[in-house]
Amino acid sequence: MSVYVEVVIFNNAALDLLTALLTLALRRKKARRWSLALSVALGAAVGTAYPLLPAPAKICAAVLLPLVMTAGFHKFASFADYVVSLGVFLMLTFATGGAVLAAVAISGVELRGYSVLGFVALGAAAAVAGVRAALASSGKISRPVVKAAIGLKSGVRRVSALADTGNTLTDCASGLPVVIASGEVSERLKAEGEGVCGFVEAKTPLGRGTLPIVGPLRVEVGGRECKAFAALTESRFDGYELILQNTMFGGEKGRKI
């Protein structure tokens, strides 16, 4: 059976896009759009040419292609973050291939040579992207990002802060609220010479753990200043740099300086 090369490219691109979006969804990461597009294009090109490659080139392509494609999906906080995304992408790649083979075996129809496979994968990718967009939109409505400022020894740093009603962290000794700082802000606080004064159990975008705290610091939200401790993390937050405590916005505010 002869197959148009355009159909093969389309199928490969649609499957690569679906796998990439599923990886981002499972990792709860925001895509780097242009890098993601280049990764999908590269995967489709190599996948189309793969049957024509000599054996050594096939081995190199099979080993290097996932490494390169994963690097273009999203911003990585660390090498370990990259390895996790790579593992998820590889598992989804094998799972997608297994699903196709299962559909072929059950239906008795050879799907890989027809554009219907590409259309199904493209539709699934659109569904994944749509669900992510809807969830992100609802999340922004229920948890708005506001402007805030942190008083440092060298001056004031203005940041985007998440009004997260789920953050109820409070320093037991002083009763002051505890904000959660992103990795970038945490590095800046360390560079300013802020020493660790305790630890707190907290939940961040990367999971739950014990975080060191520094402070108290001057934090301004909505034109009002309050004192707060900052829990340090190594996480890269999506669209904000600080997670406010729930008494620092809305009705009740933090303690007035």
C-alpha atoms as a PDB file:
ATOM      1  CA  MET A   1       0.000   0.000   0.000  1.00  0.00           C
ATOM      2  CA  SER A   2       1.368   3.442  -0.933  1.00  0.00           C
ATOM      3  CA  VAL A   3       1.005   6.336   1.489  1.00  0.00           C
ATOM      4  CA  TYR A   4       1.420  10.020   0.726  1.00  0.00           C
ATOM      5  CA  VAL A   5       4.321  11.530   2.661  1.00  0.00           C
ATOM      6  CA  GLU A   6       2.087  14.460   3.696  1.00  0.00           C
ATOM      7  CA  VAL A   7      -0.207  12.008   5.503  1.00  0.00           C
ATOM      8  CA  VAL A   8       2.732  10.452   7.341  1.00  0.00           C
ATOM      9  CA  ILE A   9       4.022  13.883   8.387  1.00  0.00           C
ATOM     10  CA  PHE A  10       0.537  14.927   9.520  1.00  0.00           C
ATOM     11  CA  ASN A  11       0.039  11.767  11.574  1.00  0.00           C
ATOM     12  CA  ASN A  12       3.458  12.058  13.216  1.00  0.00           C
ATOM     13  CA  ALA A  13       2.987  15.756  14.009  1.00  0.00           C
ATOM     14  CA  ALA A  14      -0.481  15.196  15.494  1.00  0.00           C
ATOM     15  CA  LEU A  15       0.713  12.312  17.681  1.00  0.00           C
ATOM     16  CA  ASP A  16       3.783  14.266  18.830  1.00  0.00           C
ATOM     17  CA  LEU A  17       1.609  17.278  19.683  1.00  0.00           C
ATOM     18  CA  LEU A  18      -0.827  15.107  21.632  1.00  0.00           C
ATOM     19  CA  THR A  19       1.984  13.430  23.577  1.00  0.00           C
ATOM     20  CA  ALA A  20       3.644  16.772  24.335  1.00  0.00           C
ATOM     21  CA  LEU A  21       0.405  18.364  25.576  1.00  0.00           C
ATOM     22  CA  LEU A  22      -0.366  15.337  27.741  1.00  0.00           C
ATOM     23  CA  THR A  23       3.127  15.585  29.229  1.00  0.00           C
ATOM     24  CA  LEU A  24       2.588  19.263  30.042  1.00  0.00           C
ATOM     25  CA  ALA A  25      -0.846  18.537  31.501  1.00  0.00           C
ATOM     26  CA  LEU A  26       0.432  15.766  33.771  1.00  0.00           C
ATOM     27  CA  ARG A  27       3.379  17.904  34.884  1.00  0.00           C
ATOM     28  CA  ARG A  28       1.154  20.974  35.323  1.00  0.00           C
ATOM     29  CA  LYS A  29       3.564  23.057  33.276  1.00  0.00           C
ATOM     30  CA  LYS A  30       3.066  26.018  30.969  1.00  0.00           C
ATOM     31  CA  ALA A  31       4.278  25.414  27.413  1.00  0.00           C
ATOM     32  CA  ARG A  32       6.911  27.479  25.644  1.00  0.00           C
ATOM     33  CA  ARG A  33       4.868  27.795  22.474  1.00  0.00           C
ATOM     34  CA  TRP A  34       7.539  28.361  19.843  1.00  0.00           C
ATOM     35  CA  SER A  35       9.913  25.803  21.358  1.00  0.00           C
ATOM     36  CA  LEU A  36       7.034  23.333  21.584  1.00  0.00           C
ATOM     37  CA  ALA A  37       6.177  23.927  17.919  1.00  0.00           C
ATOM     38  CA  LEU A  38       9.801  23.345  16.903  1.00  0.00           C
ATOM     39  CA  SER A  39       9.932  20.159  18.995  1.00  0.00           C
ATOM     40  CA  VAL A  40       6.789  18.811  17.324  1.00  0.00           C
ATOM     41  CA  ALA A  41       8.110  19.730  13.869  1.00  0.00           C
ATOM     42  CA  LEU A  42      11.423  18.023  14.612  1.00  0.00           C
ATOM     43  CA  GLY A  43       9.674  14.903  15.888  1.00  0.00           C
ATOM     44  CA  ALA A  44       7.439  14.745  12.817  1.00  0.00           C
ATOM     45  CA  ALA A  45      10.382  15.190  10.438  1.00  0.00           C
ATOM     46  CA  VAL A  46      12.550  12.560  12.110  1.00  0.00           C
ATOM     47  CA  GLY A  47       9.606  10.177  12.500  1.00  0.00           C
ATOM     48  CA  THR A  48       8.810  10.458   8.799  1.00  0.00           C
ATOM     49  CA  ALA A  49      12.399   9.874   7.725  1.00  0.00           C
ATOM     50  CA  TYR A  50      13.044   7.149  10.317  1.00  0.00           C
ATOM     51  CA  PRO A  51      12.166   4.132   8.093  1.00  0.00           C
ATOM     52  CA  LEU A  52      14.658   5.348   5.483  1.00  0.00           C
ATOM     53  CA  LEU A  53      17.573   5.833   7.878  1.00  0.00           C
ATOM     54  CA  PRO A  54      20.454   3.338   8.149  1.00  0.00           C
ATOM     55  CA  ALA A  55      20.633   1.249  11.317  1.00  0.00           C
ATOM     56  CA  PRO A  56      23.217   3.412  13.172  1.00  0.00           C
ATOM     57  CA  ALA A  57      21.222   6.574  12.425  1.00  0.00           C
ATOM     58  CA  LYS A  58      18.034   4.902  13.661  1.00  0.00           C
ATOM     59  CA  ILE A  59      19.692   4.140  16.990  1.00  0.00           C
ATOM     60  CA  CYS A  60      20.932   7.723  17.345  1.00  0.00           C
ATOM     61  CA  ALA A  61      17.510   9.113  16.435  1.00  0.00           C
ATOM     62  CA  ALA A  62      15.724   6.838  18.909  1.00  0.00           C
ATOM     63  CA  VAL A  63      18.075   7.909  21.726  1.00  0.00           C
ATOM     64  CA  LEU A  64      18.508  11.617  21.008  1.00  0.00           C
ATOM     65  CA  LEU A  65      15.087  12.635  19.687  1.00  0.00           C
ATOM     66  CA  PRO A  66      13.187  12.331  23.020  1.00  0.00           C
ATOM     67  CA  LEU A  67      15.985  14.214  24.809  1.00  0.00           C
ATOM     68  CA  VAL A  68      15.858  17.121  22.360  1.00  0.00           C
ATOM     69  CA  MET A  69      12.071  17.238  22.090  1.00  0.00           C
ATOM     70  CA  THR A  70      11.529  17.279  25.860  1.00  0.00           C
ATOM     71  CA  ALA A  71      13.960  20.187  26.235  1.00  0.00           C
ATOM     72  CA  GLY A  72      11.598  22.364  24.217  1.00  0.00           C
ATOM     73  CA  PHE A  73       8.403  21.689  26.156  1.00  0.00           C
ATOM     74  CA  HIS A  74       8.661  24.099  29.097  1.00  0.00           C
ATOM     75  CA  LYS A  75      11.036  25.949  31.395  1.00  0.00           C
ATOM     76  CA  PHE A  76      12.820  23.634  33.807  1.00  0.00           C
ATOM     77  CA  ALA A  77      13.570  24.522  37.412  1.00  0.00           C
ATOM     78  CA  SER A  78      16.386  21.964  37.585  1.00  0.00           C
ATOM     79  CA  PHE A  79      17.904  18.962  35.831  1.00  0.00           C
ATOM     80  CA  ALA A  80      15.725  16.697  37.968  1.00  0.00           C
ATOM     81  CA  ASP A  81      12.666  18.574  36.690  1.00  0.00           C
ATOM     82  CA  TYR A  82      13.820  17.867  33.129  1.00  0.00           C
ATOM     83  CA  VAL A  83      14.369  14.168  33.879  1.00  0.00           C
ATOM     84  CA  VAL A  84      10.838  13.840  35.274  1.00  0.00           C
ATOM     85  CA  SER A  85       9.339  15.442  32.150  1.00  0.00           C
ATOM     86  CA  LEU A  86      11.480  13.182  29.967  1.00  0.00           C
ATOM     87  CA  GLY A  87      10.255  10.099  31.812  1.00  0.00           C
ATOM     88  CA  VAL A  88       6.616  11.168  31.481  1.00  0.00           C
ATOM     89  CA  PHE A  89       7.082  11.884  27.769  1.00  0.00           C
ATOM     90  CA  LEU A  90       8.679   8.478  27.148  1.00  0.00           C
ATOM     91  CA  MET A  91       5.915   6.642  29.017  1.00  0.00           C
ATOM     92  CA  LEU A  92       3.240   8.518  27.094  1.00  0.00           C
ATOM     93  CA  THR A  93       5.025   7.813  23.815  1.00  0.00           C
ATOM     94  CA  PHE A  94       4.988   4.082  24.499  1.00  0.00           C
ATOM     95  CA  ALA A  95       1.393   4.271  25.750  1.00  0.00           C
ATOM     96  CA  THR A  96       0.259   6.124  22.629  1.00  0.00           C
ATOM     97  CA  GLY A  97       1.933   3.570  20.384  1.00  0.00           C
ATOM     98  CA  GLY A  98       0.328   0.759  22.360  1.00  0.00           C
ATOM     99  CA  ALA A  99      -3.090   2.377  22.054  1.00  0.00           C
ATOM    100  CA  VAL A 100      -2.705   2.598  18.276  1.00  0.00           C
ATOM    101  CA  LEU A 101      -1.677  -1.048  18.010  1.00  0.00           C
ATOM    102  CA  ALA A 102      -4.606  -2.067  20.226  1.00  0.00           C
ATOM    103  CA  ALA A 103      -7.051  -0.124  18.051  1.00  0.00           C
ATOM    104  CA  VAL A 104      -5.626  -1.799  14.948  1.00  0.00           C
ATOM    105  CA  ALA A 105      -5.890  -5.258  16.514  1.00  0.00           C
ATOM    106  CA  ILE A 106      -9.470  -4.739  17.712  1.00  0.00           C
ATOM    107  CA  SER A 107     -10.842  -3.052  14.600  1.00  0.00           C
ATOM    108  CA  GLY A 108      -8.803  -4.958  12.042  1.00  0.00           C
ATOM    109  CA  VAL A 109      -8.259  -1.667  10.211  1.00  0.00           C
ATOM    110  CA  GLU A 110      -4.753  -0.436   9.453  1.00  0.00           C
ATOM    111  CA  LEU A 111      -4.899   3.090  10.881  1.00  0.00           C
ATOM    112  CA  ARG A 112      -1.297   4.121  10.586  1.00  0.00           C
ATOM    113  CA  GLY A 113      -1.473   4.568   6.836  1.00  0.00           C
ATOM    114  CA  TYR A 114      -4.477   6.890   6.888  1.00  0.00           C
ATOM    115  CA  SER A 115      -4.918  10.486   7.938  1.00  0.00           C
ATOM    116  CA  VAL A 116      -7.762   9.456  10.262  1.00  0.00           C
ATOM    117  CA  LEU A 117      -5.148   8.676  12.908  1.00  0.00           C
ATOM    118  CA  GLY A 118      -3.779  12.178  12.616  1.00  0.00           C
ATOM    119  CA  PHE A 119      -7.238  13.725  12.851  1.00  0.00           C
ATOM    120  CA  VAL A 120      -8.056  11.680  15.956  1.00  0.00           C
ATOM    121  CA  ALA A 121      -4.760  12.663  17.597  1.00  0.00           C
ATOM    122  CA  LEU A 122      -5.223  16.301  16.584  1.00  0.00           C
ATOM    123  CA  GLY A 123      -8.732  16.313  18.034  1.00  0.00           C
ATOM    124  CA  ALA A 124      -7.484  14.775  21.268  1.00  0.00           C
ATOM    125  CA  ALA A 125      -4.678  17.364  21.430  1.00  0.00           C
ATOM    126  CA  ALA A 126      -7.214  20.161  20.943  1.00  0.00           C
ATOM    127  CA  ALA A 127      -9.352  18.686  23.730  1.00  0.00           C
ATOM    128  CA  VAL A 128      -6.373  18.562  26.101  1.00  0.00           C
ATOM    129  CA  ALA A 129      -5.430  22.156  25.251  1.00  0.00           C
ATOM    130  CA  GLY A 130      -9.037  23.284  25.695  1.00  0.00           C
ATOM    131  CA  VAL A 131      -9.404  21.652  29.099  1.00  0.00           C
ATOM    132  CA  ARG A 132      -6.098  23.170  30.251  1.00  0.00           C
ATOM    133  CA  ALA A 133      -7.195  26.618  29.056  1.00  0.00           C
ATOM    134  CA  ALA A 134     -10.557  26.288  30.812  1.00  0.00           C
ATOM    135  CA  LEU A 135      -8.952  25.187  34.068  1.00  0.00           C
ATOM    136  CA  ALA A 136      -6.383  27.976  33.852  1.00  0.00           C
ATOM    137  CA  SER A 137      -9.128  30.513  33.225  1.00  0.00           C
ATOM    138  CA  SER A 138     -11.229  29.320  36.160  1.00  0.00           C
ATOM    139  CA  GLY A 139      -8.134  29.267  38.339  1.00  0.00           C
ATOM    140  CA  LYS A 140      -7.333  32.890  37.484  1.00  0.00           C
ATOM    141  CA  ILE A 141     -10.872  33.914  38.378  1.00  0.00           C
ATOM    142  CA  SER A 142     -10.894  32.136  41.725  1.00  0.00           C
ATOM    143  CA  ARG A 143      -7.241  32.868  42.558  1.00  0.00           C
ATOM    144  CA  PRO A 144      -6.307  36.265  41.071  1.00  0.00           C
ATOM    145  CA  VAL A 145      -2.725  37.408  40.674  1.00  0.00           C
ATOM    146  CA  VAL A 146      -2.121  40.802  42.298  1.00  0.00           C
ATOM    147  CA  LYS A 147       0.770  43.236  42.528  1.00  0.00           C
ATOM    148  CA  ALA A 148       2.875  43.158  45.681  1.00  0.00           C
ATOM    149  CA  ALA A 149       6.162  44.558  46.952  1.00  0.00           C
ATOM    150  CA  ILE A 150       8.777  43.139  49.320  1.00  0.00           C
ATOM    151  CA  GLY A 151      10.989  45.422  51.395  1.00  0.00           C
ATOM    152  CA  LEU A 152      14.626  44.326  51.081  1.00  0.00           C
ATOM    153  CA  LYS A 153      17.829  45.750  52.521  1.00  0.00           C
ATOM    154  CA  SER A 154      18.787  47.044  49.080  1.00  0.00           C
ATOM    155  CA  GLY A 155      15.366  48.473  48.265  1.00  0.00           C
ATOM    156  CA  VAL A 156      11.904  47.346  47.215  1.00  0.00           C
ATOM    157  CA  ARG A 157      11.282  44.386  44.912  1.00  0.00           C
ATOM    158  CA  ARG A 158       7.945  44.398  43.106  1.00  0.00           C
ATOM    159  CA  VAL A 159       6.487  40.966  42.364  1.00  0.00           C
ATOM    160  CA  SER A 160       3.351  39.273  41.100  1.00  0.00           C
ATOM    161  CA  ALA A 161       1.593  37.514  43.967  1.00  0.00           C
ATOM    162  CA  LEU A 162      -1.049  34.801  43.977  1.00  0.00           C
ATOM    163  CA  ALA A 163      -4.021  35.493  46.235  1.00  0.00           C
ATOM    164  CA  ASP A 164      -4.220  31.856  47.316  1.00  0.00           C
ATOM    165  CA  THR A 165      -6.984  31.314  49.869  1.00  0.00           C
ATOM    166  CA  GLY A 166      -5.467  27.914  50.611  1.00  0.00           C
ATOM    167  CA  ASN A 167      -2.353  29.375  52.244  1.00  0.00           C
ATOM    168  CA  THR A 168      -3.073  29.584  55.969  1.00  0.00           C
ATOM    169  CA  LEU A 169       0.554  29.445  57.143  1.00  0.00           C
ATOM    170  CA  THR A 170       1.215  31.468  60.289  1.00  0.00           C
ATOM    171  CA  ASP A 171       4.318  31.807  62.435  1.00  0.00           C
ATOM    172  CA  CYS A 172       3.369  30.293  65.781  1.00  0.00           C
ATOM    173  CA  ALA A 173       5.653  32.506  67.881  1.00  0.00           C
ATOM    174  CA  SER A 174       4.726  35.912  66.448  1.00  0.00           C
ATOM    175  CA  GLY A 175       1.359  35.238  64.832  1.00  0.00           C
ATOM    176  CA  LEU A 176       2.584  36.838  61.603  1.00  0.00           C
ATOM    177  CA  PRO A 177       1.511  35.425  58.221  1.00  0.00           C
ATOM    178  CA  VAL A 178       3.917  33.369  56.104  1.00  0.00           C
ATOM    179  CA  VAL A 179       4.148  33.916  52.349  1.00  0.00           C
ATOM    180  CA  ILE A 180       5.680  31.323  50.001  1.00  0.00           C
ATOM    181  CA  ALA A 181       8.444  32.655  47.743  1.00  0.00           C
ATOM    182  CA  SER A 182       9.430  31.287  44.340  1.00  0.00           C
ATOM    183  CA  GLY A 183      12.950  30.046  43.682  1.00  0.00           C
ATOM    184  CA  GLU A 184      13.955  33.355  42.069  1.00  0.00           C
ATOM    185  CA  VAL A 185      12.695  35.451  44.971  1.00  0.00           C
ATOM    186  CA  SER A 186      14.215  33.002  47.461  1.00  0.00           C
ATOM    187  CA  GLU A 187      17.631  33.383  45.828  1.00  0.00           C
ATOM    188  CA  ARG A 188      17.304  37.158  46.043  1.00  0.00           C
ATOM    189  CA  LEU A 189      16.425  36.971  49.732  1.00  0.00           C
ATOM    190  CA  LYS A 190      19.458  34.770  50.382  1.00  0.00           C
ATOM    191  CA  ALA A 191      21.666  37.193  48.450  1.00  0.00           C
ATOM    192  CA  GLU A 192      20.339  40.014  50.652  1.00  0.00           C
ATOM    193  CA  GLY A 193      21.691  38.151  53.678  1.00  0.00           C
ATOM    194  CA  GLU A 194      18.363  37.066  55.131  1.00  0.00           C
ATOM    195  CA  GLY A 195      19.122  34.273  57.584  1.00  0.00           C
ATOM    196  CA  VAL A 196      16.902  31.256  58.181  1.00  0.00           C
ATOM    197  CA  CYS A 197      14.986  31.686  61.427  1.00  0.00           C
ATOM    198  CA  GLY A 198      12.845  28.550  61.394  1.00  0.00           C
ATOM    199  CA  PHE A 199      10.957  25.992  59.338  1.00  0.00           C
ATOM    200  CA  VAL A 200       7.362  25.434  58.302  1.00  0.00           C
ATOM    201  CA  GLU A 201       5.351  22.618  56.742  1.00  0.00           C
ATOM    202  CA  ALA A 202       3.929  23.888  53.460  1.00  0.00           C
ATOM    203  CA  LYS A 203       2.420  22.771  50.166  1.00  0.00           C
ATOM    204  CA  THR A 204       3.927  24.250  46.983  1.00  0.00           C
ATOM    205  CA  PRO A 205       3.283  23.602  43.248  1.00  0.00           C
ATOM    206  CA  LEU A 206       5.881  20.808  43.477  1.00  0.00           C
ATOM    207  CA  GLY A 207       4.362  19.103  46.507  1.00  0.00           C
ATOM    208  CA  ARG A 208       4.385  19.214  50.310  1.00  0.00           C
ATOM    209  CA  GLY A 209       7.540  19.598  52.352  1.00  0.00           C
ATOM    210  CA  THR A 210       9.404  21.401  55.127  1.00  0.00           C
ATOM    211  CA  LEU A 211      10.546  24.857  54.038  1.00  0.00           C
ATOM    212  CA  PRO A 212      12.968  27.268  55.737  1.00  0.00           C
ATOM    213  CA  ILE A 213      11.578  30.705  56.596  1.00  0.00           C
ATOM    214  CA  VAL A 214      13.250  34.124  56.795  1.00  0.00           C
ATOM    215  CA  GLY A 215      12.089  37.465  58.127  1.00  0.00           C
ATOM    216  CA  PRO A 216      10.006  39.161  59.193  1.00  0.00           C
ATOM    217  CA  LEU A 217       9.857  41.225  55.990  1.00  0.00           C
ATOM    218  CA  ARG A 218       7.804  44.224  54.908  1.00  0.00           C
ATOM    219  CA  VAL A 219       5.241  43.127  52.328  1.00  0.00           C
ATOM    220  CA  GLU A 220       2.885  45.562  50.593  1.00  0.00           C
ATOM    221  CA  VAL A 221      -0.365  44.312  49.047  1.00  0.00           C
ATOM    222  CA  GLY A 222      -3.107  46.560  47.716  1.00  0.00           C
ATOM    223  CA  GLY A 223      -1.444  49.711  49.053  1.00  0.00           C
ATOM    224  CA  ARG A 224      -1.170  48.374  52.590  1.00  0.00           C
ATOM    225  CA  GLU A 225       2.012  47.188  54.287  1.00  0.00           C
ATOM    226  CA  CYS A 226       2.251  44.332  56.737  1.00  0.00           C
ATOM    227  CA  LYS A 227       4.941  42.206  58.287  1.00  0.00           C
ATOM    228  CA  ALA A 228       5.292  38.605  57.148  1.00  0.00           C
ATOM    229  CA  PHE A 229       7.763  35.761  57.099  1.00  0.00           C
ATOM    230  CA  ALA A 230       8.786  34.214  53.771  1.00  0.00           C
ATOM    231  CA  ALA A 231       9.078  30.463  53.200  1.00  0.00           C
ATOM    232  CA  LEU A 232      11.907  29.727  50.742  1.00  0.00           C
ATOM    233  CA  THR A 233      11.493  27.264  47.863  1.00  0.00           C
ATOM    234  CA  GLU A 234      13.350  26.211  44.726  1.00  0.00           C
ATOM    235  CA  SER A 235      10.143  26.113  42.679  1.00  0.00           C
ATOM    236  CA  ARG A 236       9.434  28.102  39.532  1.00  0.00           C
ATOM    237  CA  PHE A 237       5.839  29.280  39.883  1.00  0.00           C
ATOM    238  CA  ASP A 238       3.613  29.707  36.830  1.00  0.00           C
ATOM    239  CA  GLY A 239       2.751  33.388  36.339  1.00  0.00           C
ATOM    240  CA  TYR A 240       3.576  34.659  39.835  1.00  0.00           C
ATOM    241  CA  GLU A 241       6.499  34.858  42.275  1.00  0.00           C
ATOM    242  CA  LEU A 242       4.821  34.902  45.671  1.00  0.00           C
ATOM    243  CA  ILE A 243       1.919  33.050  47.308  1.00  0.00           C
ATOM    244  CA  LEU A 244       0.165  35.295  49.806  1.00  0.00           C
ATOM    245  CA  GLN A 245      -1.304  34.153  53.087  1.00  0.00           C
ATOM    246  CA  ASN A 246      -5.097  34.386  53.154  1.00  0.00           C
ATOM    247  CA  THR A 247      -5.213  37.265  55.685  1.00  0.00           C
ATOM    248  CA  MET A 248      -3.140  39.539  53.432  1.00  0.00           C
ATOM    249  CA  PHE A 249      -5.841  40.304  50.863  1.00  0.00           C
ATOM    250  CA  GLY A 250      -9.606  40.636  50.703  1.00  0.00           C
ATOM    251  CA  GLY A 251     -11.250  41.234  54.018  1.00  0.00           C
ATOM    252  CA  GLU A 252      -8.825  40.753  56.895  1.00  0.00           C
ATOM    253  CA  LYS A 253      -5.298  42.064  56.334  1.00  0.00           C
ATOM    254  CA  GLY A 254      -1.991  41.190  57.830  1.00  0.00           C
ATOM    255  CA  ARG A 255      -0.625  43.062  60.818  1.00  0.00           C
ATOM    256  CA  LYS A 256      -0.045  46.744  60.180  1.00  0.00           C
ATOM    257  CA  ILE A 257       3.568  47.906  60.485  1.00  0.00           C
END
